C-alpha atoms as a PDB file:
ATOM      1  CA  MET A   1      96.142 177.316  36.706  1.00  0.00           C
ATOM      2  CA  GLY A   2      99.431 175.549  37.131  1.00  0.00           C
ATOM      3  CA  ASP A   3     100.924 172.095  36.870  1.00  0.00           C
ATOM      4  CA  TYR A   4     102.909 170.672  39.786  1.00  0.00           C
ATOM      5  CA  ILE A   5     104.982 167.707  40.850  1.00  0.00           C
ATOM      6  CA  VAL A   6     104.027 166.773  44.409  1.00  0.00           C
ATOM      7  CA  VAL A   7     106.087 164.458  46.607  1.00  0.00           C
ATOM      8  CA  LEU A   8     104.269 163.087  49.640  1.00  0.00           C
ATOM      9  CA  GLU A   9     105.909 161.343  52.571  1.00  0.00           C
ATOM     10  CA  ALA A  10     104.155 158.357  54.185  1.00  0.00           C
ATOM     11  CA  PRO A  11     105.110 156.143  57.138  1.00  0.00           C
ATOM     12  CA  ILE A  12     104.257 152.496  56.456  1.00  0.00           C
ATOM     13  CA  ILE A  13     104.118 149.943  59.270  1.00  0.00           C
ATOM     14  CA  VAL A  14     104.793 146.311  58.356  1.00  0.00           C
ATOM     15  CA  ARG A  15     104.675 143.219  60.544  1.00  0.00           C
ATOM     16  CA  ASP A  16     106.543 139.915  60.648  1.00  0.00           C
ATOM     17  CA  VAL A  17     109.793 141.198  59.147  1.00  0.00           C
ATOM     18  CA  GLU A  18     113.325 140.451  60.304  1.00  0.00           C
ATOM     19  CA  THR A  19     115.538 142.950  58.466  1.00  0.00           C
ATOM     20  CA  PRO A  20     115.219 146.490  57.104  1.00  0.00           C
ATOM     21  CA  GLU A  21     115.451 145.055  53.577  1.00  0.00           C
ATOM     22  CA  ASP A  22     112.475 142.771  54.273  1.00  0.00           C
ATOM     23  CA  ALA A  23     110.550 145.738  55.693  1.00  0.00           C
ATOM     24  CA  ILE A  24     111.284 147.804  52.572  1.00  0.00           C
ATOM     25  CA  ASN A  25     110.170 145.016  50.220  1.00  0.00           C
ATOM     26  CA  VAL A  26     106.937 144.391  52.117  1.00  0.00           C
ATOM     27  CA  ALA A  27     106.159 148.136  52.451  1.00  0.00           C
ATOM     28  CA  VAL A  28     106.738 148.879  48.749  1.00  0.00           C
ATOM     29  CA  SER A  29     104.622 145.876  47.778  1.00  0.00           C
ATOM     30  CA  LYS A  30     101.847 146.902  50.176  1.00  0.00           C
ATOM     31  CA  VAL A  31     101.766 150.488  48.867  1.00  0.00           C
ATOM     32  CA  ALA A  32     101.979 149.465  45.196  1.00  0.00           C
ATOM     33  CA  LYS A  33      99.123 146.993  45.653  1.00  0.00           C
ATOM     34  CA  ALA A  34      96.920 149.656  47.298  1.00  0.00           C
ATOM     35  CA  LEU A  35      97.705 152.204  44.563  1.00  0.00           C
ATOM     36  CA  ASN A  36      97.090 149.705  41.744  1.00  0.00           C
ATOM     37  CA  LYS A  37      93.767 148.704  43.285  1.00  0.00           C
ATOM     38  CA  GLU A  38      92.611 152.333  42.898  1.00  0.00           C
ATOM     39  CA  LYS A  39      94.152 152.572  39.395  1.00  0.00           C
ATOM     40  CA  LEU A  40      96.792 155.058  40.568  1.00  0.00           C
ATOM     41  CA  ASP A  41      99.657 153.490  38.632  1.00  0.00           C
ATOM     42  CA  PHE A  42     100.961 156.965  37.733  1.00  0.00           C
ATOM     43  CA  VAL A  43     102.098 157.498  41.353  1.00  0.00           C
ATOM     44  CA  LYS A  44     105.808 156.774  41.701  1.00  0.00           C
ATOM     45  CA  VAL A  45     106.811 154.873  44.877  1.00  0.00           C
ATOM     46  CA  GLU A  46     110.312 155.345  46.330  1.00  0.00           C
ATOM     47  CA  ILE A  47     112.063 154.615  49.607  1.00  0.00           C
ATOM     48  CA  GLY A  48     112.531 157.629  51.863  1.00  0.00           C
ATOM     49  CA  TYR A  49     115.900 158.662  53.235  1.00  0.00           C
ATOM     50  CA  SER A  50     116.894 159.854  56.685  1.00  0.00           C
ATOM     51  CA  GLN A  51     120.047 161.580  57.804  1.00  0.00           C
ATOM     52  CA  CYS A  52     122.333 160.101  60.444  1.00  0.00           C
ATOM     53  CA  PRO A  53     122.378 162.490  63.437  1.00  0.00           C
ATOM     54  CA  VAL A  54     126.030 161.686  64.136  1.00  0.00           C
ATOM     55  CA  CYS A  55     127.772 161.663  60.752  1.00  0.00           C
ATOM     56  CA  GLY A  56     125.140 163.250  58.504  1.00  0.00           C
ATOM     57  CA  SER A  57     125.183 160.435  55.938  1.00  0.00           C
ATOM     58  CA  PRO A  58     121.863 159.533  54.303  1.00  0.00           C
ATOM     59  CA  PHE A  59     120.414 156.042  54.779  1.00  0.00           C
ATOM     60  CA  GLU A  60     117.185 154.323  53.789  1.00  0.00           C
ATOM     61  CA  SER A  61     114.346 155.091  56.205  1.00  0.00           C
ATOM     62  CA  ALA A  62     113.617 151.569  57.366  1.00  0.00           C
ATOM     63  CA  PHE A  63     113.686 150.538  61.002  1.00  0.00           C
ATOM     64  CA  VAL A  64     112.877 147.152  62.527  1.00  0.00           C
ATOM     65  CA  ILE A  65     112.225 146.581  66.211  1.00  0.00           C
ATOM     66  CA  GLY A  66     111.098 143.138  67.214  1.00  0.00           C
ATOM     67  CA  SER A  67     109.353 141.913  64.110  1.00  0.00           C
ATOM     68  CA  VAL A  68     107.651 145.233  63.314  1.00  0.00           C
ATOM     69  CA  GLY A  69     109.098 147.605  60.736  1.00  0.00           C
ATOM     70  CA  LEU A  70     108.562 151.277  59.976  1.00  0.00           C
ATOM     71  CA  VAL A  71     109.422 152.377  56.450  1.00  0.00           C
ATOM     72  CA  GLY A  72     109.395 155.914  55.084  1.00  0.00           C
ATOM     73  CA  ILE A  73     107.979 156.037  51.553  1.00  0.00           C
ATOM     74  CA  TYR A  74     107.961 158.912  49.054  1.00  0.00           C
ATOM     75  CA  LEU A  75     104.990 159.073  46.678  1.00  0.00           C
ATOM     76  CA  THR A  76     105.438 161.315  43.640  1.00  0.00           C
ATOM     77  CA  LEU A  77     102.685 162.421  41.265  1.00  0.00           C
ATOM     78  CA  LYS A  78     101.934 165.184  38.815  1.00  0.00           C
ATOM     79  CA  VAL A  79      98.919 167.401  39.459  1.00  0.00           C
ATOM     80  CA  PHE A  80      97.590 169.396  36.529  1.00  0.00           C
ATOM     81  CA  ASN A  81      95.438 172.554  36.525  1.00  0.00           C
ATOM     82  CA  ALA A  82      95.781 173.372  40.224  1.00  0.00           C
ATOM     83  CA  GLN A  83      95.083 176.940  41.294  1.00  0.00           C
ATOM     84  CA  SER A  84      98.028 177.168  43.739  1.00  0.00           C
ATOM     85  CA  LEU A  85     100.634 175.156  45.642  1.00  0.00           C
ATOM     86  CA  GLU A  86      98.123 174.578  48.436  1.00  0.00           C
ATOM     87  CA  HIS A  87      95.494 173.411  45.957  1.00  0.00           C
ATOM     88  CA  ALA A  88      97.982 170.978  44.376  1.00  0.00           C
ATOM     89  CA  GLU A  89      98.788 169.660  47.868  1.00  0.00           C
ATOM     90  CA  ARG A  90      95.108 169.074  48.672  1.00  0.00           C
ATOM     91  CA  ILE A  91      94.526 167.310  45.346  1.00  0.00           C
ATOM     92  CA  ALA A  92      97.563 165.041  45.793  1.00  0.00           C
ATOM     93  CA  LYS A  93      96.594 164.131  49.359  1.00  0.00           C
ATOM     94  CA  ALA A  94      93.006 163.397  48.304  1.00  0.00           C
ATOM     95  CA  VAL A  95      94.074 161.200  45.379  1.00  0.00           C
ATOM     96  CA  VAL A  96      96.700 159.185  47.281  1.00  0.00           C
ATOM     97  CA  GLY A  97      94.673 159.182  50.509  1.00  0.00           C
ATOM     98  CA  LYS A  98      91.889 157.345  48.671  1.00  0.00           C
ATOM     99  CA  ALA A  99      94.237 154.346  48.297  1.00  0.00           C
ATOM    100  CA  LEU A 100      96.174 154.659  51.560  1.00  0.00           C
ATOM    101  CA  ARG A 101      93.452 155.097  54.128  1.00  0.00           C
ATOM    102  CA  ARG A 102      94.591 155.730  57.696  1.00  0.00           C
ATOM    103  CA  VAL A 103      98.143 156.573  56.551  1.00  0.00           C
ATOM    104  CA  PRO A 104      99.201 160.111  57.462  1.00  0.00           C
ATOM    105  CA  LEU A 105     100.505 161.943  54.392  1.00  0.00           C
ATOM    106  CA  LYS A 106     102.845 164.902  54.650  1.00  0.00           C
ATOM    107  CA  VAL A 107     104.118 167.039  51.788  1.00  0.00           C
ATOM    108  CA  PHE A 108     107.835 166.554  51.306  1.00  0.00           C
ATOM    109  CA  GLU A 109     108.206 168.763  48.227  1.00  0.00           C
ATOM    110  CA  ILE A 110     106.158 170.599  45.599  1.00  0.00           C
ATOM    111  CA  LYS A 111     107.578 171.946  42.342  1.00  0.00           C
ATOM    112  CA  GLU A 112     105.779 173.852  39.630  1.00  0.00           C
ATOM    113  CA  ILE A 113     106.172 172.469  36.108  1.00  0.00           C
ATOM    114  CA  HIS A 114     106.985 175.162  33.574  1.00  0.00           C
ATOM    115  CA  ASN A 115     107.607 173.141  30.414  1.00  0.00           C
ATOM    116  CA  GLY A 116     104.166 171.832  29.533  1.00  0.00           C
ATOM    117  CA  ARG A 117     102.172 168.681  30.140  1.00  0.00           C
ATOM    118  CA  GLU A 118     104.472 165.717  29.900  1.00  0.00           C
ATOM    119  CA  GLY A 119     103.612 162.235  31.126  1.00  0.00           C
ATOM    120  CA  GLU A 120     100.657 161.091  33.176  1.00  0.00           C
ATOM    121  CA  GLY A 121      99.206 162.467  36.351  1.00  0.00           C
ATOM    122  CA  PHE A 122      95.988 163.607  37.891  1.00  0.00           C
ATOM    123  CA  HIS A 123      93.961 166.195  35.956  1.00  0.00           C
ATOM    124  CA  PHE A 124      91.689 168.431  37.977  1.00  0.00           C
ATOM    125  CA  ASP A 125      88.815 169.998  36.077  1.00  0.00           C
ATOM    126  CA  GLU A 126      86.846 172.761  37.789  1.00  0.00           C
ATOM    127  CA  GLU A 127      83.663 171.463  36.157  1.00  0.00           C
ATOM    128  CA  SER A 128      83.953 168.095  37.935  1.00  0.00           C
ATOM    129  CA  ALA A 129      84.610 169.651  41.351  1.00  0.00           C
END
């Protein structure tokens, strides 16, 4: 059994926004509210980054067309006692997916934790499965 840090990528659509900054604020608020409602305050919410196809510079993943915005969000959580990387991925998607229904979640990164159980996260017990 291993402990992992899982980073999920989620596209969030927001309406009635004028600028990318507005879209980011509304998207982060929307995601944080959904996570807090399910008592998932241990999930870290960050803005995603894209790479400019011309110059290669990173920029915040927020796009506004008309008054509709699309914001890329990274959701980071620790998963404890997973049997493998794939198991940690399934646990993370199930936990976050409970709060963000109908939002496609994709794994951005998974890292195994080697230095013990620090901080909060989601504990998976085989007995409760």
